[in-house]
PDB file of all heavy atoms in Angstrom:
ATOM      1  N   SER A   1      42.834 -41.697 -56.317  1.00  0.00           N
ATOM      2  CA  SER A   1      42.792 -40.918 -55.078  1.00  0.00           C
ATOM      3  C   SER A   1      41.379 -40.471 -54.709  1.00  0.00           C
ATOM      4  O   SER A   1      41.189 -39.777 -53.711  1.00  0.00           O
ATOM      5  CB  SER A   1      43.699 -39.690 -55.202  1.00  0.00           C
ATOM      6  OG  SER A   1      43.231 -38.816 -56.223  1.00  0.00           O
ATOM      7  N   TYR A   2      40.384 -40.897 -55.496  1.00  0.00           N
ATOM      8  CA  TYR A   2      39.028 -40.382 -55.311  1.00  0.00           C
ATOM      9  C   TYR A   2      38.445 -40.755 -53.948  1.00  0.00           C
ATOM     10  O   TYR A   2      37.834 -39.932 -53.268  1.00  0.00           O
ATOM     11  CB  TYR A   2      38.130 -40.888 -56.438  1.00  0.00           C
ATOM     12  CG  TYR A   2      36.755 -40.254 -56.480  1.00  0.00           C
ATOM     13  CD1 TYR A   2      36.541 -38.975 -55.982  1.00  0.00           C
ATOM     14  CD2 TYR A   2      35.664 -40.937 -57.009  1.00  0.00           C
ATOM     15  CE1 TYR A   2      35.290 -38.386 -56.029  1.00  0.00           C
ATOM     16  CE2 TYR A   2      34.408 -40.353 -57.061  1.00  0.00           C
ATOM     17  CZ  TYR A   2      34.224 -39.083 -56.565  1.00  0.00           C
ATOM     18  OH  TYR A   2      32.980 -38.504 -56.603  1.00  0.00           O
ATOM     19  N   SER A   3      38.612 -41.993 -53.515  1.00  0.00           N
ATOM     20  CA  SER A   3      38.025 -42.422 -52.243  1.00  0.00           C
ATOM     21  C   SER A   3      38.594 -41.613 -51.079  1.00  0.00           C
ATOM     22  O   SER A   3      37.861 -41.218 -50.164  1.00  0.00           O
ATOM     23  CB  SER A   3      38.275 -43.913 -52.020  1.00  0.00           C
ATOM     24  OG  SER A   3      39.661 -44.208 -52.024  1.00  0.00           O
ATOM     25  N   ALA A   4      39.904 -41.335 -51.103  1.00  0.00           N
ATOM     26  CA  ALA A   4      40.519 -40.538 -50.039  1.00  0.00           C
ATOM     27  C   ALA A   4      40.039 -39.099 -50.084  1.00  0.00           C
ATOM     28  O   ALA A   4      39.820 -38.465 -49.048  1.00  0.00           O
ATOM     29  CB  ALA A   4      42.043 -40.602 -50.157  1.00  0.00           C
ATOM     30  N   VAL A   5      39.852 -38.560 -51.293  1.00  0.00           N
ATOM     31  CA  VAL A   5      39.379 -37.187 -51.439  1.00  0.00           C
ATOM     32  C   VAL A   5      37.954 -37.046 -50.909  1.00  0.00           C
ATOM     33  O   VAL A   5      37.607 -36.057 -50.255  1.00  0.00           O
ATOM     34  CB  VAL A   5      39.465 -36.747 -52.919  1.00  0.00           C
ATOM     35  CG1 VAL A   5      38.687 -35.467 -53.152  1.00  0.00           C
ATOM     36  CG2 VAL A   5      40.920 -36.551 -53.323  1.00  0.00           C
ATOM     37  N   LEU A   6      37.097 -38.034 -51.167  1.00  0.00           N
ATOM     38  CA  LEU A   6      35.730 -37.988 -50.662  1.00  0.00           C
ATOM     39  C   LEU A   6      35.701 -37.948 -49.141  1.00  0.00           C
ATOM     40  O   LEU A   6      34.826 -37.324 -48.532  1.00  0.00           O
ATOM     41  CB  LEU A   6      34.946 -39.202 -51.159  1.00  0.00           C
ATOM     42  CG  LEU A   6      34.507 -39.192 -52.627  1.00  0.00           C
ATOM     43  CD1 LEU A   6      33.828 -40.511 -52.978  1.00  0.00           C
ATOM     44  CD2 LEU A   6      33.574 -38.028 -52.914  1.00  0.00           C
ATOM     45  N   GLU A   7      36.663 -38.580 -48.530  1.00  0.00           N
ATOM     46  CA  GLU A   7      36.693 -38.655 -47.067  1.00  0.00           C
ATOM     47  C   GLU A   7      37.376 -37.445 -46.426  1.00  0.00           C
ATOM     48  O   GLU A   7      36.878 -36.896 -45.436  1.00  0.00           O
ATOM     49  CB  GLU A   7      37.408 -39.937 -46.636  1.00  0.00           C
ATOM     50  CG  GLU A   7      37.507 -40.114 -45.135  1.00  0.00           C
ATOM     51  CD  GLU A   7      38.284 -41.363 -44.761  1.00  0.00           C
ATOM     52  OE1 GLU A   7      38.651 -42.134 -45.678  1.00  0.00           O
ATOM     53  OE2 GLU A   7      38.519 -41.569 -43.564  1.00  0.00           O
ATOM     54  N   LYS A   8      38.502 -37.008 -47.023  1.00  0.00           N
ATOM     55  CA  LYS A   8      39.324 -35.987 -46.365  1.00  0.00           C
ATOM     56  C   LYS A   8      39.318 -34.632 -47.070  1.00  0.00           C
ATOM     57  O   LYS A   8      39.867 -33.663 -46.541  1.00  0.00           O
ATOM     58  CB  LYS A   8      40.768 -36.493 -46.252  1.00  0.00           C
ATOM     59  CG  LYS A   8      40.895 -37.784 -45.464  1.00  0.00           C
ATOM     60  CD  LYS A   8      42.321 -38.260 -45.419  1.00  0.00           C
ATOM     61  CE  LYS A   8      42.447 -39.577 -44.646  1.00  0.00           C
ATOM     62  NZ  LYS A   8      43.853 -40.072 -44.628  1.00  0.00           N
ATOM     63  N   GLY A   9      38.747 -34.554 -48.278  1.00  0.00           N
ATOM     64  CA  GLY A   9      38.758 -33.299 -49.009  1.00  0.00           C
ATOM     65  C   GLY A   9      39.906 -33.233 -50.006  1.00  0.00           C
ATOM     66  O   GLY A   9      40.735 -34.150 -50.104  1.00  0.00           O
ATOM     67  N   ILE A  10      39.947 -32.127 -50.743  1.00  0.00           N
ATOM     68  CA  ILE A  10      40.965 -31.947 -51.791  1.00  0.00           C
ATOM     69  C   ILE A  10      42.139 -31.162 -51.219  1.00  0.00           C
ATOM     70  O   ILE A  10      41.957 -30.091 -50.625  1.00  0.00           O
ATOM     71  CB  ILE A  10      40.382 -31.204 -53.007  1.00  0.00           C
ATOM     72  CG1 ILE A  10      39.088 -31.874 -53.473  1.00  0.00           C
ATOM     73  CG2 ILE A  10      41.387 -31.171 -54.148  1.00  0.00           C
ATOM     74  CD1 ILE A  10      38.372 -31.097 -54.562  1.00  0.00           C
ATOM     75  N   ARG A  11      43.328 -31.684 -51.419  1.00  0.00           N
ATOM     76  CA  ARG A  11      44.562 -31.013 -50.999  1.00  0.00           C
ATOM     77  C   ARG A  11      45.531 -30.987 -52.178  1.00  0.00           C
ATOM     78  O   ARG A  11      45.438 -31.818 -53.081  1.00  0.00           O
ATOM     79  CB  ARG A  11      45.199 -31.726 -49.805  1.00  0.00           C
ATOM     80  CG  ARG A  11      44.328 -31.745 -48.558  1.00  0.00           C
ATOM     81  CD  ARG A  11      45.022 -32.420 -47.398  1.00  0.00           C
ATOM     82  NE  ARG A  11      44.170 -32.502 -46.223  1.00  0.00           N
ATOM     83  CZ  ARG A  11      44.037 -31.533 -45.332  1.00  0.00           C
ATOM     84  NH1 ARG A  11      44.729 -30.407 -45.486  1.00  0.00           N
ATOM     85  NH2 ARG A  11      43.247 -31.681 -44.283  1.00  0.00           N
ATOM     86  N   PRO A  12      46.488 -30.058 -52.171  1.00  0.00           N
ATOM     87  CA  PRO A  12      47.480 -30.033 -53.253  1.00  0.00           C
ATOM     88  C   PRO A  12      48.305 -31.317 -53.257  1.00  0.00           C
ATOM     89  O   PRO A  12      48.614 -31.867 -52.208  1.00  0.00           O
ATOM     90  CB  PRO A  12      48.340 -28.811 -52.910  1.00  0.00           C
ATOM     91  CG  PRO A  12      47.504 -27.984 -51.989  1.00  0.00           C
ATOM     92  CD  PRO A  12      46.657 -28.953 -51.216  1.00  0.00           C
ATOM     93  N   THR A  13      48.638 -31.791 -54.439  1.00  0.00           N
ATOM     94  CA  THR A  13      49.479 -32.981 -54.567  1.00  0.00           C
ATOM     95  C   THR A  13      50.750 -32.650 -55.346  1.00  0.00           C
ATOM     96  O   THR A  13      51.795 -32.387 -54.764  1.00  0.00           O
ATOM     97  CB  THR A  13      48.695 -34.116 -55.249  1.00  0.00           C
ATOM     98  OG1 THR A  13      48.132 -33.624 -56.487  1.00  0.00           O
ATOM     99  CG2 THR A  13      47.568 -34.610 -54.360  1.00  0.00           C
ATOM    100  N   HIS A  14      50.652 -32.650 -56.681  1.00  0.00           N
ATOM    101  CA  HIS A  14      51.827 -32.380 -57.504  1.00  0.00           C
ATOM    102  C   HIS A  14      52.048 -30.889 -57.736  1.00  0.00           C
ATOM    103  O   HIS A  14      53.042 -30.493 -58.334  1.00  0.00           O
ATOM    104  CB  HIS A  14      51.700 -33.098 -58.847  1.00  0.00           C
ATOM    105  CG  HIS A  14      50.509 -32.674 -59.638  1.00  0.00           C
ATOM    106  ND1 HIS A  14      49.228 -33.114 -59.356  1.00  0.00           N
ATOM    107  CD2 HIS A  14      50.381 -31.838 -60.691  1.00  0.00           C
ATOM    108  CE1 HIS A  14      48.384 -32.576 -60.198  1.00  0.00           C
ATOM    109  NE2 HIS A  14      49.043 -31.801 -61.028  1.00  0.00           N
ATOM    110  N   GLN A  15      51.110 -30.047 -57.259  1.00  0.00           N
ATOM    111  CA  GLN A  15      51.226 -28.602 -57.402  1.00  0.00           C
ATOM    112  C   GLN A  15      51.245 -27.977 -56.012  1.00  0.00           C
ATOM    113  O   GLN A  15      50.689 -28.535 -55.061  1.00  0.00           O
ATOM    114  CB  GLN A  15      50.039 -28.032 -58.199  1.00  0.00           C
ATOM    115  CG  GLN A  15      49.939 -28.535 -59.626  1.00  0.00           C
ATOM    116  CD  GLN A  15      50.839 -27.751 -60.580  1.00  0.00           C
ATOM    117  OE1 GLN A  15      51.710 -27.009 -60.156  1.00  0.00           O
ATOM    118  NE2 GLN A  15      50.627 -27.922 -61.866  1.00  0.00           N
ATOM    119  N   PRO A  16      51.855 -26.794 -55.862  1.00  0.00           N
ATOM    120  CA  PRO A  16      51.840 -26.139 -54.540  1.00  0.00           C
ATOM    121  C   PRO A  16      50.436 -25.772 -54.084  1.00  0.00           C
ATOM    122  O   PRO A  16      50.178 -25.678 -52.892  1.00  0.00           O
ATOM    123  CB  PRO A  16      52.704 -24.888 -54.767  1.00  0.00           C
ATOM    124  CG  PRO A  16      53.528 -25.178 -55.977  1.00  0.00           C
ATOM    125  CD  PRO A  16      52.686 -26.064 -56.833  1.00  0.00           C
ATOM    126  N   GLU A  17      49.508 -25.559 -55.039  1.00  0.00           N
ATOM    127  CA  GLU A  17      48.142 -25.181 -54.718  1.00  0.00           C
ATOM    128  C   GLU A  17      47.168 -25.988 -55.569  1.00  0.00           C
ATOM    129  O   GLU A  17      47.546 -26.593 -56.571  1.00  0.00           O
ATOM    130  CB  GLU A  17      47.932 -23.685 -54.988  1.00  0.00           C
ATOM    131  CG  GLU A  17      48.838 -22.765 -54.187  1.00  0.00           C
ATOM    132  CD  GLU A  17      48.785 -21.339 -54.715  1.00  0.00           C
ATOM    133  OE1 GLU A  17      49.326 -21.096 -55.817  1.00  0.00           O
ATOM    134  OE2 GLU A  17      48.197 -20.487 -54.030  1.00  0.00           O
ATOM    135  N   ILE A  18      45.905 -25.984 -55.155  1.00  0.00           N
ATOM    136  CA  ILE A  18      44.854 -26.605 -55.960  1.00  0.00           C
ATOM    137  C   ILE A  18      44.460 -25.628 -57.058  1.00  0.00           C
ATOM    138  O   ILE A  18      44.156 -24.466 -56.780  1.00  0.00           O
ATOM    139  CB  ILE A  18      43.624 -26.924 -55.093  1.00  0.00           C
ATOM    140  CG1 ILE A  18      44.010 -27.817 -53.920  1.00  0.00           C
ATOM    141  CG2 ILE A  18      42.542 -27.597 -55.931  1.00  0.00           C
ATOM    142  CD1 ILE A  18      42.928 -27.912 -52.854  1.00  0.00           C
ATOM    143  N   ILE A  19      44.481 -26.084 -58.294  1.00  0.00           N
ATOM    144  CA  ILE A  19      44.110 -25.229 -59.424  1.00  0.00           C
ATOM    145  C   ILE A  19      42.673 -25.546 -59.818  1.00  0.00           C
ATOM    146  O   ILE A  19      42.360 -26.674 -60.188  1.00  0.00           O
ATOM    147  CB  ILE A  19      45.058 -25.441 -60.619  1.00  0.00           C
ATOM    148  CG1 ILE A  19      46.495 -25.122 -60.215  1.00  0.00           C
ATOM    149  CG2 ILE A  19      44.633 -24.573 -61.798  1.00  0.00           C
ATOM    150  CD1 ILE A  19      47.512 -25.381 -61.315  1.00  0.00           C
ATOM    151  N   CYS A  20      41.808 -24.553 -59.705  1.00  0.00           N
ATOM    152  CA  CYS A  20      40.403 -24.692 -60.065  1.00  0.00           C
ATOM    153  C   CYS A  20      40.150 -23.909 -61.352  1.00  0.00           C
ATOM    154  O   CYS A  20      40.646 -22.784 -61.504  1.00  0.00           O
ATOM    155  CB  CYS A  20      39.497 -24.159 -58.958  1.00  0.00           C
ATOM    156  SG  CYS A  20      39.822 -24.859 -57.327  1.00  0.00           S
ATOM    157  N   ALA A  21      39.392 -24.480 -62.255  1.00  0.00           N
ATOM    158  CA  ALA A  21      39.110 -23.839 -63.539  1.00  0.00           C
ATOM    159  C   ALA A  21      37.654 -23.400 -63.596  1.00  0.00           C
ATOM    160  O   ALA A  21      36.766 -24.030 -63.006  1.00  0.00           O
ATOM    161  CB  ALA A  21      39.422 -24.787 -64.688  1.00  0.00           C
ATOM    162  N   GLU A  22      37.421 -22.344 -64.338  1.00  0.00           N
ATOM    163  CA  GLU A  22      36.068 -21.828 -64.488  1.00  0.00           C
ATOM    164  C   GLU A  22      35.279 -22.626 -65.528  1.00  0.00           C
ATOM    165  O   GLU A  22      34.060 -22.578 -65.541  1.00  0.00           O
ATOM    166  CB  GLU A  22      36.124 -20.356 -64.883  1.00  0.00           C
ATOM    167  CG  GLU A  22      34.852 -19.586 -64.610  1.00  0.00           C
ATOM    168  CD  GLU A  22      35.039 -18.084 -64.701  1.00  0.00           C
ATOM    169  OE1 GLU A  22      36.202 -17.626 -64.815  1.00  0.00           O
ATOM    170  OE2 GLU A  22      34.029 -17.379 -64.666  1.00  0.00           O
ATOM    171  N   THR A  23      35.986 -23.376 -66.385  1.00  0.00           N
ATOM    172  CA  THR A  23      35.314 -24.179 -67.407  1.00  0.00           C
ATOM    173  C   THR A  23      35.693 -25.651 -67.245  1.00  0.00           C
ATOM    174  O   THR A  23      36.801 -25.979 -66.784  1.00  0.00           O
ATOM    175  CB  THR A  23      35.688 -23.724 -68.829  1.00  0.00           C
ATOM    176  OG1 THR A  23      37.088 -23.978 -69.051  1.00  0.00           O
ATOM    177  CG2 THR A  23      35.399 -22.237 -69.011  1.00  0.00           C
ATOM    178  N   ILE A  24      34.765 -26.512 -67.642  1.00  0.00           N
ATOM    179  CA  ILE A  24      35.021 -27.952 -67.583  1.00  0.00           C
ATOM    180  C   ILE A  24      36.168 -28.326 -68.521  1.00  0.00           C
ATOM    181  O   ILE A  24      37.011 -29.172 -68.189  1.00  0.00           O
ATOM    182  CB  ILE A  24      33.743 -28.725 -67.949  1.00  0.00           C
ATOM    183  CG1 ILE A  24      32.671 -28.499 -66.880  1.00  0.00           C
ATOM    184  CG2 ILE A  24      34.033 -30.212 -68.111  1.00  0.00           C
ATOM    185  CD1 ILE A  24      31.329 -29.127 -67.209  1.00  0.00           C
ATOM    186  N   GLU A  25      36.211 -27.689 -69.685  1.00  0.00           N
ATOM    187  CA  GLU A  25      37.243 -28.021 -70.681  1.00  0.00           C
ATOM    188  C   GLU A  25      38.641 -27.791 -70.124  1.00  0.00           C
ATOM    189  O   GLU A  25      39.530 -28.638 -70.292  1.00  0.00           O
ATOM    190  CB  GLU A  25      37.032 -27.192 -71.945  1.00  0.00           C
ATOM    191  CG  GLU A  25      35.781 -27.531 -72.738  1.00  0.00           C
ATOM    192  CD  GLU A  25      34.501 -26.975 -72.129  1.00  0.00           C
ATOM    193  OE1 GLU A  25      34.601 -26.090 -71.246  1.00  0.00           O
ATOM    194  OE2 GLU A  25      33.408 -27.422 -72.513  1.00  0.00           O
ATOM    195  N   MET A  26      38.847 -26.666 -69.452  1.00  0.00           N
ATOM    196  CA  MET A  26      40.176 -26.379 -68.909  1.00  0.00           C
ATOM    197  C   MET A  26      40.505 -27.308 -67.753  1.00  0.00           C
ATOM    198  O   MET A  26      41.647 -27.772 -67.623  1.00  0.00           O
ATOM    199  CB  MET A  26      40.258 -24.923 -68.463  1.00  0.00           C
ATOM    200  CG  MET A  26      41.616 -24.534 -67.866  1.00  0.00           C
ATOM    201  SD  MET A  26      43.017 -24.846 -68.987  1.00  0.00           S
ATOM    202  CE  MET A  26      42.796 -23.491 -70.159  1.00  0.00           C
ATOM    203  N   ALA A  27      39.516 -27.614 -66.920  1.00  0.00           N
ATOM    204  CA  ALA A  27      39.759 -28.525 -65.800  1.00  0.00           C
ATOM    205  C   ALA A  27      40.182 -29.898 -66.304  1.00  0.00           C
ATOM    206  O   ALA A  27      41.108 -30.521 -65.767  1.00  0.00           O
ATOM    207  CB  ALA A  27      38.507 -28.631 -64.936  1.00  0.00           C
ATOM    208  N   GLU A  28      39.514 -30.394 -67.353  1.00  0.00           N
ATOM    209  CA  GLU A  28      39.869 -31.695 -67.899  1.00  0.00           C
ATOM    210  C   GLU A  28      41.226 -31.663 -68.604  1.00  0.00           C
ATOM    211  O   GLU A  28      41.980 -32.638 -68.564  1.00  0.00           O
ATOM    212  CB  GLU A  28      38.774 -32.163 -68.859  1.00  0.00           C
ATOM    213  CG  GLU A  28      37.469 -32.504 -68.150  1.00  0.00           C
ATOM    214  CD  GLU A  28      36.388 -32.989 -69.098  1.00  0.00           C
ATOM    215  OE1 GLU A  28      36.549 -32.776 -70.334  1.00  0.00           O
ATOM    216  OE2 GLU A  28      35.397 -33.567 -68.618  1.00  0.00           O
ATOM    217  N   LYS A  29      41.533 -30.545 -69.218  1.00  0.00           N
ATOM    218  CA  LYS A  29      42.833 -30.406 -69.881  1.00  0.00           C
ATOM    219  C   LYS A  29      43.962 -30.510 -68.861  1.00  0.00           C
ATOM    220  O   LYS A  29      44.959 -31.199 -69.088  1.00  0.00           O
ATOM    221  CB  LYS A  29      42.896 -29.052 -70.595  1.00  0.00           C
ATOM    222  CG  LYS A  29      44.181 -28.808 -71.355  1.00  0.00           C
ATOM    223  CD  LYS A  29      44.119 -27.471 -72.092  1.00  0.00           C
ATOM    224  CE  LYS A  29      45.376 -27.225 -72.905  1.00  0.00           C
ATOM    225  NZ  LYS A  29      45.302 -25.934 -73.650  1.00  0.00           N
ATOM    226  N   ILE A  30      43.791 -29.854 -67.727  1.00  0.00           N
ATOM    227  CA  ILE A  30      44.806 -29.910 -66.672  1.00  0.00           C
ATOM    228  C   ILE A  30      44.833 -31.300 -66.045  1.00  0.00           C
ATOM    229  O   ILE A  30      45.902 -31.863 -65.783  1.00  0.00           O
ATOM    230  CB  ILE A  30      44.531 -28.837 -65.612  1.00  0.00           C
ATOM    231  CG1 ILE A  30      44.646 -27.435 -66.234  1.00  0.00           C
ATOM    232  CG2 ILE A  30      45.496 -28.965 -64.441  1.00  0.00           C
ATOM    233  CD1 ILE A  30      44.202 -26.308 -65.311  1.00  0.00           C
ATOM    234  N   GLY A  31      43.643 -31.883 -65.799  1.00  0.00           N
ATOM    235  CA  GLY A  31      43.575 -33.177 -65.139  1.00  0.00           C
ATOM    236  C   GLY A  31      44.174 -34.305 -65.948  1.00  0.00           C
ATOM    237  O   GLY A  31      44.763 -35.231 -65.390  1.00  0.00           O
ATOM    238  N   LYS A  32      44.049 -34.245 -67.268  1.00  0.00           N
ATOM    239  CA  LYS A  32      44.555 -35.317 -68.118  1.00  0.00           C
ATOM    240  C   LYS A  32      46.083 -35.325 -68.208  1.00  0.00           C
ATOM    241  O   LYS A  32      46.648 -36.259 -68.774  1.00  0.00           O
ATOM    242  CB  LYS A  32      43.938 -35.208 -69.514  1.00  0.00           C
ATOM    243  CG  LYS A  32      42.480 -35.629 -69.549  1.00  0.00           C
ATOM    244  CD  LYS A  32      41.888 -35.548 -70.945  1.00  0.00           C
ATOM    245  CE  LYS A  32      40.437 -36.010 -70.955  1.00  0.00           C
ATOM    246  NZ  LYS A  32      39.817 -35.914 -72.293  1.00  0.00           N
ATOM    247  N   ARG A  33      46.718 -34.320 -67.651  1.00  0.00           N
ATOM    248  CA  ARG A  33      48.180 -34.354 -67.578  1.00  0.00           C
ATOM    249  C   ARG A  33      48.662 -35.326 -66.512  1.00  0.00           C
ATOM    250  O   ARG A  33      49.825 -35.717 -66.505  1.00  0.00           O
ATOM    251  CB  ARG A  33      48.713 -32.942 -67.279  1.00  0.00           C
ATOM    252  CG  ARG A  33      48.458 -31.952 -68.406  1.00  0.00           C
ATOM    253  CD  ARG A  33      48.818 -30.541 -68.002  1.00  0.00           C
ATOM    254  NE  ARG A  33      48.423 -29.591 -69.048  1.00  0.00           N
ATOM    255  CZ  ARG A  33      48.441 -28.270 -68.902  1.00  0.00           C
ATOM    256  NH1 ARG A  33      48.821 -27.739 -67.742  1.00  0.00           N
ATOM    257  NH2 ARG A  33      48.068 -27.482 -69.903  1.00  0.00           N
ATOM    258  N   ARG A  34      47.751 -35.715 -65.611  1.00  0.00           N
ATOM    259  CA  ARG A  34      48.101 -36.641 -64.535  1.00  0.00           C
ATOM    260  C   ARG A  34      47.405 -37.989 -64.659  1.00  0.00           C
ATOM    261  O   ARG A  34      47.867 -38.979 -64.106  1.00  0.00           O
ATOM    262  CB  ARG A  34      47.727 -36.018 -63.178  1.00  0.00           C
ATOM    263  CG  ARG A  34      48.229 -34.615 -62.950  1.00  0.00           C
ATOM    264  CD  ARG A  34      49.723 -34.547 -62.904  1.00  0.00           C
ATOM    265  NE  ARG A  34      50.274 -35.350 -61.833  1.00  0.00           N
ATOM    266  CZ  ARG A  34      51.565 -35.481 -61.609  1.00  0.00           C
ATOM    267  NH1 ARG A  34      52.440 -34.885 -62.392  1.00  0.00           N
ATOM    268  NH2 ARG A  34      52.000 -36.233 -60.615  1.00  0.00           N
ATOM    269  N   ASP A  35      46.254 -38.012 -65.355  1.00  0.00           N
ATOM    270  CA  ASP A  35      45.468 -39.237 -65.459  1.00  0.00           C
ATOM    271  C   ASP A  35      44.701 -39.188 -66.776  1.00  0.00           C
ATOM    272  O   ASP A  35      44.079 -38.174 -67.093  1.00  0.00           O
ATOM    273  CB  ASP A  35      44.497 -39.334 -64.271  1.00  0.00           C
ATOM    274  CG  ASP A  35      43.857 -40.710 -64.154  1.00  0.00           C
ATOM    275  OD1 ASP A  35      43.534 -41.301 -65.208  1.00  0.00           O
ATOM    276  OD2 ASP A  35      43.666 -41.189 -63.030  1.00  0.00           O
ATOM    277  N   ASN A  36      44.741 -40.284 -67.526  1.00  0.00           N
ATOM    278  CA  ASN A  36      44.044 -40.307 -68.810  1.00  0.00           C
ATOM    279  C   ASN A  36      42.528 -40.205 -68.656  1.00  0.00           C
ATOM    280  O   ASN A  36      41.834 -39.696 -69.537  1.00  0.00           O
ATOM    281  CB  ASN A  36      44.392 -41.591 -69.578  1.00  0.00           C
ATOM    282  CG  ASN A  36      45.819 -41.602 -70.063  1.00  0.00           C
ATOM    283  OD1 ASN A  36      46.394 -40.550 -70.334  1.00  0.00           O
ATOM    284  ND2 ASN A  36      46.412 -42.778 -70.158  1.00  0.00           N
ATOM    285  N   GLN A  37      42.012 -40.698 -67.544  1.00  0.00           N
ATOM    286  CA  GLN A  37      40.579 -40.636 -67.263  1.00  0.00           C
ATOM    287  C   GLN A  37      40.366 -40.078 -65.857  1.00  0.00           C
ATOM    288  O   GLN A  37      40.003 -40.808 -64.925  1.00  0.00           O
ATOM    289  CB  GLN A  37      39.935 -42.013 -67.409  1.00  0.00           C
ATOM    290  CG  GLN A  37      39.973 -42.566 -68.832  1.00  0.00           C
ATOM    291  CD  GLN A  37      39.329 -43.928 -68.933  1.00  0.00           C
ATOM    292  OE1 GLN A  37      39.375 -44.744 -68.023  1.00  0.00           O
ATOM    293  NE2 GLN A  37      38.701 -44.194 -70.068  1.00  0.00           N
ATOM    294  N   PRO A  38      40.580 -38.785 -65.675  1.00  0.00           N
ATOM    295  CA  PRO A  38      40.455 -38.213 -64.329  1.00  0.00           C
ATOM    296  C   PRO A  38      38.999 -38.109 -63.884  1.00  0.00           C
ATOM    297  O   PRO A  38      38.074 -38.173 -64.699  1.00  0.00           O
ATOM    298  CB  PRO A  38      41.080 -36.821 -64.495  1.00  0.00           C
ATOM    299  CG  PRO A  38      40.818 -36.468 -65.933  1.00  0.00           C
ATOM    300  CD  PRO A  38      40.927 -37.766 -66.686  1.00  0.00           C
ATOM    301  N   ILE A  39      38.813 -37.948 -62.587  1.00  0.00           N
ATOM    302  CA  ILE A  39      37.484 -37.741 -62.005  1.00  0.00           C
ATOM    303  C   ILE A  39      37.247 -36.236 -61.893  1.00  0.00           C
ATOM    304  O   ILE A  39      38.049 -35.516 -61.309  1.00  0.00           O
ATOM    305  CB  ILE A  39      37.386 -38.379 -60.607  1.00  0.00           C
ATOM    306  CG1 ILE A  39      37.636 -39.887 -60.679  1.00  0.00           C
ATOM    307  CG2 ILE A  39      36.030 -38.083 -59.977  1.00  0.00           C
ATOM    308  CD1 ILE A  39      36.572 -40.666 -61.376  1.00  0.00           C
ATOM    309  N   ARG A  40      36.143 -35.772 -62.484  1.00  0.00           N
ATOM    310  CA  ARG A  40      35.840 -34.340 -62.430  1.00  0.00           C
ATOM    311  C   ARG A  40      34.946 -34.037 -61.231  1.00  0.00           C
ATOM    312  O   ARG A  40      33.925 -34.693 -61.013  1.00  0.00           O
ATOM    313  CB  ARG A  40      35.145 -33.885 -63.712  1.00  0.00           C
ATOM    314  CG  ARG A  40      34.973 -32.375 -63.774  1.00  0.00           C
ATOM    315  CD  ARG A  40      34.269 -31.934 -65.042  1.00  0.00           C
ATOM    316  NE  ARG A  40      32.845 -32.191 -65.018  1.00  0.00           N
ATOM    317  CZ  ARG A  40      32.205 -32.915 -65.915  1.00  0.00           C
ATOM    318  NH1 ARG A  40      32.857 -33.487 -66.911  1.00  0.00           N
ATOM    319  NH2 ARG A  40      30.893 -33.095 -65.842  1.00  0.00           N
ATOM    320  N   LEU A  41      35.352 -33.042 -60.454  1.00  0.00           N
ATOM    321  CA  LEU A  41      34.596 -32.606 -59.286  1.00  0.00           C
ATOM    322  C   LEU A  41      34.082 -31.189 -59.515  1.00  0.00           C
ATOM    323  O   LEU A  41      34.777 -30.355 -60.096  1.00  0.00           O
ATOM    324  CB  LEU A  41      35.468 -32.646 -58.027  1.00  0.00           C
ATOM    325  CG  LEU A  41      36.135 -33.996 -57.715  1.00  0.00           C
ATOM    326  CD1 LEU A  41      37.010 -33.861 -56.485  1.00  0.00           C
ATOM    327  CD2 LEU A  41      35.082 -35.083 -57.521  1.00  0.00           C
ATOM    328  N   THR A  42      32.886 -30.926 -59.039  1.00  0.00           N
ATOM    329  CA  THR A  42      32.288 -29.590 -59.120  1.00  0.00           C
ATOM    330  C   THR A  42      32.463 -28.902 -57.772  1.00  0.00           C
ATOM    331  O   THR A  42      31.975 -29.405 -56.748  1.00  0.00           O
ATOM    332  CB  THR A  42      30.796 -29.678 -59.484  1.00  0.00           C
ATOM    333  OG1 THR A  42      30.655 -30.339 -60.748  1.00  0.00           O
ATOM    334  CG2 THR A  42      30.187 -28.289 -59.585  1.00  0.00           C
TER     335      THR A  42
END
C-alpha cells in the first residue's frame, strides 16, 4: 500500500484509527502483525 499512501496520505485500514507510536520498536511491533516486512514512516 506504500505507493498509494505516498500519493493520498495515511488513512485507517484494519483499525478504526491510525495508531502512531512514540518509539520505532513499538511501531514495528504493531506493523508486523499485518506485514512481515512493513514500511516504517516517520
